[in-house]
C-alpha cells in the first residue's frame, strides 16, 4: 500500500503548522500541497512553516483537481471548513476536520454527502486522545450524577464559545442523563450570563485567557460528594496523535464520523 497523499488547509495556523510537522515525520504520509488564502503560487518553504517545497494554493477546487490527494486535513474556521469539507467530498477526497463550530444542520448535510458519495469523513471537536477519554468517562458518570456543570478554558484567540469539545461532552452526557433543571428553581441571575450557557439543564462556562491552550473540567455534584474529571492540553502537539489516527482511519471508512470517541477502541 502506497503513501497517503495529504493536503492541509490552514498550514500557518497553530494547529496547521503542527499538522505539517506530523505529516513530515510520519513514514506513510506524503504532504502533496497546502491551502492558504494569502499565498497562492508560492511554495510552503517560503512561508517559514517548513522546508518542504510543496505548492501553495488558494483555490481548493484547483488544488484538489491538480494534486488529487487521498485526504484533506482542514484546520481553518467553521465557514471555510464547511466549504472545504463539502468541496473535498464532491471531488472524492476524504476530509479530516479539526475545525469546531459546525451546526447540527452542517453536520447533517455532511453526513448526507458522505452517504451519497460513499466516502469517509472524520470531524473531531478535539483531537487529543486524553480529551476524548475525558468525554467518555464523563458520559459514564452522567448516568449516575445528573447534576453537572462544564467549565472549558481556552486561549483568547478562540472564535467560538462554548467550545466544540464542551458541547460534545454535554451531548454525550445528555444521552444517558435524565434531563433536569439544575440549581434553585427560583434562582435569578443578577448579572445576565452568570450561570453560563444552558444545555438540557446543564451549565457550560467558557473562559478565554492568554496563556491557555485547551482545558476542560466536568464537575458532578451529589449529596455529600463531588466528582471532577479534567483534561489539559499544554501544547498543540497533544492533538497530533488524534489527527494521525483520524487520517489512518478515514482511509478505511465510507461513512461520516463525528467525534474520535467513535473510532478509538
Protein backbone atom coordinates (compact mmCIF):
# COMPACT_ATOMS: atom_id res chain seq x y z
CA UNK A 1 0.00 0.00 0.00
CA UNK A 2 1.41 3.40 -1.00
CA UNK A 3 1.70 6.61 0.95
CA UNK A 4 -1.39 8.58 1.92
CA UNK A 5 -1.34 11.82 -0.08
CA UNK A 6 -2.45 14.71 2.11
CA UNK A 7 -3.42 18.35 1.59
CA UNK A 8 -3.51 20.62 4.65
CA UNK A 9 -5.76 23.69 4.78
CA UNK A 10 -4.52 26.33 7.22
CA UNK A 11 -0.80 25.46 7.37
CA UNK A 12 0.26 28.76 9.02
CA UNK A 13 -2.08 28.38 11.99
CA UNK A 14 -1.00 26.97 15.33
CA UNK A 15 -2.73 23.66 14.66
CA UNK A 16 -1.93 23.64 10.96
CA UNK A 17 1.80 24.08 11.47
CA UNK A 18 1.80 21.11 13.90
CA UNK A 19 -0.09 19.07 11.31
CA UNK A 20 2.60 19.88 8.74
CA UNK A 21 5.24 18.56 11.17
CA UNK A 22 3.13 15.44 11.78
CA UNK A 23 2.92 14.65 8.06
CA UNK A 24 6.66 15.30 7.64
CA UNK A 25 7.64 12.82 10.36
CA UNK A 26 5.10 10.08 9.54
CA UNK A 27 6.58 7.45 7.27
CA UNK A 28 3.48 6.60 5.22
CA UNK A 29 2.19 10.20 4.92
CA UNK A 30 3.04 12.47 1.98
CA UNK A 31 2.30 16.20 2.02
CA UNK A 32 1.19 16.94 -1.56
CA UNK A 33 0.11 20.59 -1.16
CA UNK A 34 -1.33 23.15 1.25
CA UNK A 35 -4.21 25.60 1.00
CA UNK A 36 -3.60 29.16 2.21
CA UNK A 37 -5.77 32.10 1.18
CA UNK A 38 -2.89 34.61 1.15
CA UNK A 39 -0.03 32.89 -0.65
CA UNK A 40 -1.27 31.29 -3.86
CA UNK A 41 1.50 30.15 -6.18
CA UNK A 42 4.25 30.09 -3.57
CA UNK A 43 5.98 27.10 -2.01
CA UNK A 44 5.43 26.05 1.58
CA UNK A 45 9.14 26.52 2.24
CA UNK A 46 8.67 30.24 1.51
CA UNK A 47 6.10 30.63 4.30
CA UNK A 48 8.50 29.85 7.14
CA UNK A 49 6.47 26.82 8.20
CA UNK A 50 8.52 24.01 6.71
CA UNK A 51 11.46 23.30 4.43
CA UNK A 52 9.22 21.23 2.14
CA UNK A 53 8.92 22.67 -1.36
CA UNK A 54 5.26 21.74 -1.84
CA UNK A 55 2.87 24.04 -3.71
CA UNK A 56 0.55 26.51 -2.03
CA UNK A 57 -2.95 27.01 -3.45
CA UNK A 58 -5.68 29.48 -2.56
CA UNK A 59 -8.40 27.76 -4.59
CA UNK A 60 -9.36 24.41 -3.07
CA UNK A 61 -11.02 23.18 -6.28
CA UNK A 62 -7.87 23.83 -8.31
CA UNK A 63 -5.73 22.26 -5.61
CA UNK A 64 -7.70 19.03 -5.30
CA UNK A 65 -8.14 18.65 -9.05
CA UNK A 66 -4.42 19.09 -9.72
CA UNK A 67 -2.96 17.25 -6.74
CA UNK A 68 -5.63 14.52 -6.40
CA UNK A 69 -4.91 13.76 -2.71
CA UNK A 70 -6.40 10.99 -0.62
CA UNK A 71 -7.13 13.15 2.44
CA UNK A 72 -7.78 16.81 3.21
CA UNK A 73 -6.86 17.91 6.74
CA UNK A 74 -8.79 21.10 7.46
CA UNK A 75 -7.82 23.30 10.41
CA UNK A 76 -9.39 26.62 9.47
CA UNK A 77 -12.65 28.31 10.56
CA UNK A 78 -16.24 26.98 10.63
CA UNK A 79 -17.38 28.79 7.47
CA UNK A 80 -14.27 27.96 5.45
CA UNK A 81 -14.11 24.47 6.92
CA UNK A 82 -17.68 23.71 5.84
CA UNK A 83 -16.95 24.84 2.28
CA UNK A 84 -13.69 22.89 2.18
CA UNK A 85 -15.31 19.72 3.52
CA UNK A 86 -18.20 19.82 1.06
CA UNK A 87 -15.82 20.52 -1.82
CA UNK A 88 -13.50 17.68 -0.84
CA UNK A 89 -16.34 15.18 -0.67
CA UNK A 90 -17.70 16.31 -4.02
CA UNK A 91 -14.27 15.70 -5.57
CA UNK A 92 -13.75 12.29 -3.98
CA UNK A 93 -11.33 13.36 -1.22
CA UNK A 94 -11.77 12.16 2.36
CA UNK A 95 -11.80 15.06 4.89
CA UNK A 96 -10.34 15.05 8.40
CA UNK A 97 -11.60 18.18 10.09
CA UNK A 98 -10.48 19.75 13.35
CA UNK A 99 -12.42 22.96 12.89
CA UNK A 100 -15.13 23.47 15.53
CA UNK A 101 -18.31 25.50 15.37
CA UNK A 102 -20.33 23.37 12.93
CA UNK A 103 -24.10 23.47 13.46
CA UNK A 104 -26.32 20.39 13.66
CA UNK A 105 -27.58 21.31 10.19
CA UNK A 106 -23.99 21.44 8.89
CA UNK A 107 -23.24 18.00 10.31
CA UNK A 108 -26.45 16.53 8.87
CA UNK A 109 -25.61 17.93 5.43
CA UNK A 110 -22.11 16.47 5.53
CA UNK A 111 -23.40 13.09 6.68
CA UNK A 112 -25.77 13.03 3.70
CA UNK A 113 -22.90 13.89 1.34
CA UNK A 114 -20.78 11.07 2.76
CA UNK A 115 -23.62 8.63 2.26
CA UNK A 116 -24.21 9.78 -1.31
CA UNK A 117 -20.52 9.69 -2.22
CA UNK A 118 -19.73 6.59 -0.13
CA UNK A 119 -16.72 8.38 1.34
CA UNK A 120 -15.34 8.57 4.84
CA UNK A 121 -15.15 11.83 6.77
CA UNK A 122 -13.96 12.43 10.34
CA UNK A 123 -14.87 15.63 12.19
CA UNK A 124 -13.39 15.87 15.67
CA UNK A 125 -14.15 18.66 18.16
CA UNK A 126 -10.94 17.61 19.90
CA UNK A 127 -8.06 15.50 18.57
CA UNK A 128 -6.38 14.99 21.97
CA UNK A 129 -6.95 11.38 22.95
CA UNK A 130 -6.99 12.37 26.62
CA UNK A 131 -9.85 14.77 25.94
CA UNK A 132 -11.78 12.03 24.14
CA UNK A 133 -11.33 9.73 27.13
CA UNK A 134 -12.47 12.57 29.42
CA UNK A 135 -15.71 12.80 27.42
CA UNK A 136 -16.26 9.04 27.59
CA UNK A 137 -15.59 8.97 31.36
CA UNK A 138 -17.95 11.92 31.84
CA UNK A 139 -20.66 10.09 29.94
CA UNK A 140 -20.32 7.10 32.28
CA UNK A 141 -20.57 9.39 35.32
CA UNK A 142 -23.51 11.32 33.88
CA UNK A 143 -25.76 8.28 34.23
CA UNK A 144 -25.30 8.35 38.00
CA UNK A 145 -24.67 12.05 38.68
CA UNK A 146 -27.33 14.17 36.88
CA UNK A 147 -26.09 17.42 38.45
CA UNK A 148 -23.18 18.54 36.30
CA UNK A 149 -21.51 21.72 35.15
CA UNK A 150 -18.82 22.05 32.48
CA UNK A 151 -16.03 24.61 32.56
CA UNK A 152 -13.98 24.95 29.37
CA UNK A 153 -10.90 27.15 29.24
CA UNK A 154 -9.14 28.24 26.04
CA UNK A 155 -6.75 30.85 24.67
CA UNK A 156 -8.20 34.29 23.95
CA UNK A 157 -7.88 33.89 20.15
CA UNK A 158 -10.54 31.18 20.01
CA UNK A 159 -13.54 32.32 17.96
CA UNK A 160 -16.38 30.06 19.14
CA UNK A 161 -17.88 29.73 22.61
CA UNK A 162 -18.70 27.36 24.10
CA UNK A 163 -16.06 25.07 22.64
CA UNK A 164 -16.89 22.15 20.40
CA UNK A 165 -15.42 19.81 22.99
CA UNK A 166 -17.70 21.08 25.76
CA UNK A 167 -20.77 20.83 23.52
CA UNK A 168 -19.82 17.30 22.51
CA UNK A 169 -19.30 16.44 26.20
CA UNK A 170 -22.75 17.80 27.06
CA UNK A 171 -24.34 15.90 24.15
CA UNK A 172 -22.75 12.64 25.28
CA UNK A 173 -23.84 13.14 28.89
CA UNK A 174 -27.37 14.05 27.76
CA UNK A 175 -27.66 10.67 26.02
CA UNK A 176 -27.57 8.88 29.39
CA UNK A 177 -28.65 11.57 31.87
CA UNK A 178 -32.24 12.18 32.91
CA UNK A 179 -32.83 15.79 31.92
CA UNK A 180 -33.29 18.14 34.84
CA UNK A 181 -33.04 21.85 35.54
CA UNK A 182 -30.15 22.42 37.92
CA UNK A 183 -29.85 24.96 40.72
CA UNK A 184 -32.56 26.53 42.83
CA UNK A 185 -35.90 26.68 41.00
CA UNK A 186 -36.20 30.36 41.88
CA UNK A 187 -32.59 31.35 41.21
CA UNK A 188 -32.11 34.66 39.41
CA UNK A 189 -29.11 35.98 37.52
CA UNK A 190 -28.41 39.46 38.87
CA UNK A 191 -25.88 39.74 36.05
CA UNK A 192 -27.03 38.10 32.78
CA UNK A 193 -24.88 35.14 31.81
CA UNK A 194 -23.60 34.46 35.32
CA UNK A 195 -24.82 30.86 35.21
CA UNK A 196 -23.34 30.19 31.77
CA UNK A 197 -24.98 28.58 28.75
CA UNK A 198 -27.79 26.10 29.33
CA UNK A 199 -27.72 22.72 27.59
CA UNK A 200 -30.52 20.35 28.64
CA UNK A 201 -30.37 21.86 32.13
CA UNK A 202 -26.57 21.57 32.37
CA UNK A 203 -24.48 24.75 32.51
CA UNK A 204 -21.41 25.36 30.34
CA UNK A 205 -18.97 28.11 31.30
CA UNK A 206 -16.38 29.47 28.83
CA UNK A 207 -13.10 31.03 29.96
CA UNK A 208 -10.86 32.87 27.47
CA UNK A 209 -7.41 33.97 28.65
CA UNK A 210 -3.96 34.39 27.12
CA UNK A 211 -1.55 31.64 28.11
CA UNK A 212 -4.17 28.88 27.97
CA UNK A 213 -4.31 26.24 25.22
CA UNK A 214 -7.29 23.88 25.70
CA UNK A 215 -8.66 22.70 29.05
CA UNK A 216 -11.94 21.28 30.32
CA UNK A 217 -13.31 20.27 33.69
CA UNK A 218 -16.56 18.36 34.11
CA UNK A 219 -17.88 18.74 37.67
CA UNK A 220 -20.52 16.43 39.13
CA UNK A 221 -22.24 17.02 42.46
CA UNK A 222 -24.38 14.86 44.74
CA UNK A 223 -25.29 14.74 48.41
CA UNK A 224 -22.08 14.72 50.43
CA UNK A 225 -19.74 14.22 47.45
CA UNK A 226 -18.42 15.61 44.20
CA UNK A 227 -16.55 14.20 41.21
CA UNK A 228 -14.33 16.18 38.83
CA UNK A 229 -12.94 14.92 35.52
CA UNK A 230 -10.42 17.21 33.87
CA UNK A 231 -8.19 17.26 30.82
CA UNK A 232 -5.45 19.78 29.98
CA UNK A 233 -3.60 20.30 26.71
CA UNK A 234 -0.42 22.28 27.37
CA UNK A 235 0.88 22.09 23.80
CA UNK A 236 -0.82 21.65 20.44
CA UNK A 237 1.35 18.63 19.76
CA UNK A 238 -1.13 16.85 22.09
CA UNK A 239 -3.66 16.89 19.25
CA UNK A 240 -1.46 15.22 16.65
CA UNK A 241 -1.86 11.60 17.78
CA UNK A 242 -5.59 12.03 17.18
CA UNK A 243 -5.02 13.61 13.77
CA UNK A 244 -2.86 10.65 12.75
CA UNK A 245 -5.47 8.19 13.99
CA UNK A 246 -8.19 10.05 12.06
CA UNK A 247 -6.18 10.06 8.81
CA UNK A 248 -5.35 6.37 9.08
CA UNK A 249 -8.97 5.53 9.91
CA UNK A 250 -10.72 7.71 7.33
CA UNK A 251 -8.96 5.81 4.53
CA UNK A 252 -10.90 2.70 5.62
CA UNK A 253 -14.27 4.44 6.02
CA UNK A 254 -17.17 5.11 3.69
CA UNK A 255 -19.28 6.81 6.37
CA UNK A 256 -19.43 10.04 8.38
CA UNK A 257 -17.92 10.11 11.88
CA UNK A 258 -18.35 12.96 14.37
CA UNK A 259 -16.01 12.61 17.33
CA UNK A 260 -12.90 10.48 17.85
CA UNK A 261 -14.68 8.52 20.59
CA UNK A 262 -16.42 6.66 17.75
CA UNK A 263 -13.17 5.30 16.29
CA UNK A 264 -10.99 4.58 19.34
CA UNK A 265 -11.12 1.08 20.80
